[in-house]
Amino acid sequence: MAADLSALQAYQAAARAAQQVTPGGDTAAAGSANVDFGGLVTEAVANTQDTLAGAEAMTQASLTGQADLIDVATAVSAAEITLETVVAVRDEVVKAYQEILRMPI
């Protein structure tokens, strides 16, 4: 369930960012900030680190008897899904970079 919420929150953040940028590249005039790819990647990495840290904290809490096993399993599952997503995105970025390098100049 936590993994579903994390994915939903990431989708909502991407949708909000897409709405702030018009097709011409100008941002919407309603007080929006510039959205850049580097910022989105930085935010995604920070969210991944938070998810992994939460899973570690939940695991430690279970060792001391302060957390239920189902909560630990949910947190570890969310961390695993988040990490798999990051690895998949990284693989696609590397693949795209390799295709760019193969392009004739």
C-alpha atoms as a PDB file:
ATOM      1  CA  MET A   1       0.000   0.000   0.000  1.00  0.00           C
ATOM      2  CA  ALA A   2       2.829   2.406   0.830  1.00  0.00           C
ATOM      3  CA  ALA A   3       4.452   1.628  -2.523  1.00  0.00           C
ATOM      4  CA  ASP A   4       1.190   2.483  -4.279  1.00  0.00           C
ATOM      5  CA  LEU A   5       1.029   5.795  -2.424  1.00  0.00           C
ATOM      6  CA  SER A   6       4.646   6.570  -3.257  1.00  0.00           C
ATOM      7  CA  ALA A   7       4.064   5.897  -6.941  1.00  0.00           C
ATOM      8  CA  LEU A   8       0.882   7.956  -6.876  1.00  0.00           C
ATOM      9  CA  GLN A   9       2.669  10.868  -5.203  1.00  0.00           C
ATOM     10  CA  ALA A  10       5.459  10.717  -7.783  1.00  0.00           C
ATOM     11  CA  TYR A  11       2.909  10.715 -10.596  1.00  0.00           C
ATOM     12  CA  GLN A  12       1.079  13.687  -9.074  1.00  0.00           C
ATOM     13  CA  ALA A  13       4.344  15.638  -8.709  1.00  0.00           C
ATOM     14  CA  ALA A  14       5.232  14.949 -12.343  1.00  0.00           C
ATOM     15  CA  ALA A  15       1.750  15.993 -13.458  1.00  0.00           C
ATOM     16  CA  ARG A  16       1.992  19.256 -11.501  1.00  0.00           C
ATOM     17  CA  ALA A  17       5.408  19.941 -13.004  1.00  0.00           C
ATOM     18  CA  ALA A  18       4.096  19.252 -16.518  1.00  0.00           C
ATOM     19  CA  GLN A  19       1.170  21.606 -15.991  1.00  0.00           C
ATOM     20  CA  GLN A  20       3.498  24.428 -14.993  1.00  0.00           C
ATOM     21  CA  VAL A  21       5.382  24.335 -18.300  1.00  0.00           C
ATOM     22  CA  THR A  22       3.639  25.410 -21.508  1.00  0.00           C
ATOM     23  CA  PRO A  23       4.498  23.767 -24.855  1.00  0.00           C
ATOM     24  CA  GLY A  24       6.571  26.803 -25.916  1.00  0.00           C
ATOM     25  CA  GLY A  25       8.901  26.268 -22.972  1.00  0.00           C
ATOM     26  CA  ASP A  26       7.555  29.216 -20.976  1.00  0.00           C
ATOM     27  CA  THR A  27       6.303  28.568 -17.490  1.00  0.00           C
ATOM     28  CA  ALA A  28       2.753  29.413 -16.564  1.00  0.00           C
ATOM     29  CA  ALA A  29       2.374  32.929 -15.225  1.00  0.00           C
ATOM     30  CA  ALA A  30       0.592  31.891 -12.013  1.00  0.00           C
ATOM     31  CA  GLY A  31       3.676  32.070  -9.796  1.00  0.00           C
ATOM     32  CA  SER A  32       5.287  28.863 -10.967  1.00  0.00           C
ATOM     33  CA  ALA A  33       9.009  28.220 -10.844  1.00  0.00           C
ATOM     34  CA  ASN A  34      11.115  26.822 -13.668  1.00  0.00           C
ATOM     35  CA  VAL A  35      11.089  23.045 -13.698  1.00  0.00           C
ATOM     36  CA  ASP A  36      14.246  21.433 -14.978  1.00  0.00           C
ATOM     37  CA  PHE A  37      15.242  17.829 -15.507  1.00  0.00           C
ATOM     38  CA  GLY A  38      18.095  18.063 -13.003  1.00  0.00           C
ATOM     39  CA  GLY A  39      15.709  19.243 -10.308  1.00  0.00           C
ATOM     40  CA  LEU A  40      13.309  16.400 -11.002  1.00  0.00           C
ATOM     41  CA  VAL A  41      16.142  13.865 -10.814  1.00  0.00           C
ATOM     42  CA  THR A  42      17.458  15.405  -7.593  1.00  0.00           C
ATOM     43  CA  GLU A  43      13.983  15.256  -6.056  1.00  0.00           C
ATOM     44  CA  ALA A  44      13.525  11.635  -7.146  1.00  0.00           C
ATOM     45  CA  VAL A  45      16.881  10.651  -5.628  1.00  0.00           C
ATOM     46  CA  ALA A  46      15.985  12.428  -2.377  1.00  0.00           C
ATOM     47  CA  ASN A  47      12.635  10.614  -2.259  1.00  0.00           C
ATOM     48  CA  THR A  48      14.408   7.311  -2.890  1.00  0.00           C
ATOM     49  CA  GLN A  49      16.856   7.972  -0.075  1.00  0.00           C
ATOM     50  CA  ASP A  50      13.978   8.839   2.259  1.00  0.00           C
ATOM     51  CA  THR A  51      12.153   5.635   1.359  1.00  0.00           C
ATOM     52  CA  LEU A  52      15.251   3.497   1.918  1.00  0.00           C
ATOM     53  CA  ALA A  53      16.014   5.246   5.218  1.00  0.00           C
ATOM     54  CA  GLY A  54      12.415   4.702   6.331  1.00  0.00           C
ATOM     55  CA  ALA A  55      12.687   0.995   5.590  1.00  0.00           C
ATOM     56  CA  GLU A  56      15.933   0.779   7.560  1.00  0.00           C
ATOM     57  CA  ALA A  57      14.384   2.639  10.484  1.00  0.00           C
ATOM     58  CA  MET A  58      11.360   0.365  10.417  1.00  0.00           C
ATOM     59  CA  THR A  59      13.612  -2.704  10.399  1.00  0.00           C
ATOM     60  CA  GLN A  60      15.538  -1.389  13.391  1.00  0.00           C
ATOM     61  CA  ALA A  61      12.287  -0.623  15.189  1.00  0.00           C
ATOM     62  CA  SER A  62      11.134  -4.195  14.636  1.00  0.00           C
ATOM     63  CA  LEU A  63      14.321  -5.518  16.218  1.00  0.00           C
ATOM     64  CA  THR A  64      13.504  -3.630  19.401  1.00  0.00           C
ATOM     65  CA  GLY A  65       9.857  -4.725  19.285  1.00  0.00           C
ATOM     66  CA  GLN A  66       8.495  -1.264  18.460  1.00  0.00           C
ATOM     67  CA  ALA A  67       7.057  -2.124  15.025  1.00  0.00           C
ATOM     68  CA  ASP A  68       4.774  -4.802  13.654  1.00  0.00           C
ATOM     69  CA  LEU A  69       6.083  -7.260  11.111  1.00  0.00           C
ATOM     70  CA  ILE A  70       3.517  -6.175   8.511  1.00  0.00           C
ATOM     71  CA  ASP A  71       4.738  -2.571   8.759  1.00  0.00           C
ATOM     72  CA  VAL A  72       8.310  -3.727   8.235  1.00  0.00           C
ATOM     73  CA  ALA A  73       7.337  -5.854   5.245  1.00  0.00           C
ATOM     74  CA  THR A  74       5.417  -2.947   3.714  1.00  0.00           C
ATOM     75  CA  ALA A  75       8.299  -0.512   4.216  1.00  0.00           C
ATOM     76  CA  VAL A  76      10.865  -2.938   2.787  1.00  0.00           C
ATOM     77  CA  SER A  77       8.591  -3.682  -0.182  1.00  0.00           C
ATOM     78  CA  ALA A  78       8.175   0.042  -0.885  1.00  0.00           C
ATOM     79  CA  ALA A  79      11.935   0.530  -0.702  1.00  0.00           C
ATOM     80  CA  GLU A  80      12.498  -2.400  -3.057  1.00  0.00           C
ATOM     81  CA  ILE A  81      10.031  -1.054  -5.621  1.00  0.00           C
ATOM     82  CA  THR A  82      11.552   2.417  -5.402  1.00  0.00           C
ATOM     83  CA  LEU A  83      15.059   1.058  -5.885  1.00  0.00           C
ATOM     84  CA  GLU A  84      13.960  -1.079  -8.843  1.00  0.00           C
ATOM     85  CA  THR A  85      12.393   2.015 -10.416  1.00  0.00           C
ATOM     86  CA  VAL A  86      15.601   3.996  -9.978  1.00  0.00           C
ATOM     87  CA  VAL A  87      17.643   1.189 -11.526  1.00  0.00           C
ATOM     88  CA  ALA A  88      15.231   0.935 -14.475  1.00  0.00           C
ATOM     89  CA  VAL A  89      15.401   4.692 -15.089  1.00  0.00           C
ATOM     90  CA  ARG A  90      19.191   4.610 -14.831  1.00  0.00           C
ATOM     91  CA  ASP A  91      19.344   1.789 -17.375  1.00  0.00           C
ATOM     92  CA  GLU A  92      17.165   3.749 -19.801  1.00  0.00           C
ATOM     93  CA  VAL A  93      19.298   6.878 -19.385  1.00  0.00           C
ATOM     94  CA  VAL A  94      22.464   4.877 -20.073  1.00  0.00           C
ATOM     95  CA  LYS A  95      20.820   3.286 -23.114  1.00  0.00           C
ATOM     96  CA  ALA A  96      19.779   6.710 -24.446  1.00  0.00           C
ATOM     97  CA  TYR A  97      23.272   8.086 -23.862  1.00  0.00           C
ATOM     98  CA  GLN A  98      24.800   5.161 -25.760  1.00  0.00           C
ATOM     99  CA  GLU A  99      22.411   5.769 -28.669  1.00  0.00           C
ATOM    100  CA  ILE A 100      23.432   9.428 -28.746  1.00  0.00           C
ATOM    101  CA  LEU A 101      27.085   8.423 -28.873  1.00  0.00           C
ATOM    102  CA  ARG A 102      26.382   6.134 -31.849  1.00  0.00           C
ATOM    103  CA  MET A 103      24.746   8.921 -33.876  1.00  0.00           C
ATOM    104  CA  PRO A 104      26.720  10.056 -36.893  1.00  0.00           C
ATOM    105  CA  ILE A 105      27.890  13.644 -36.781  1.00  0.00           C
END
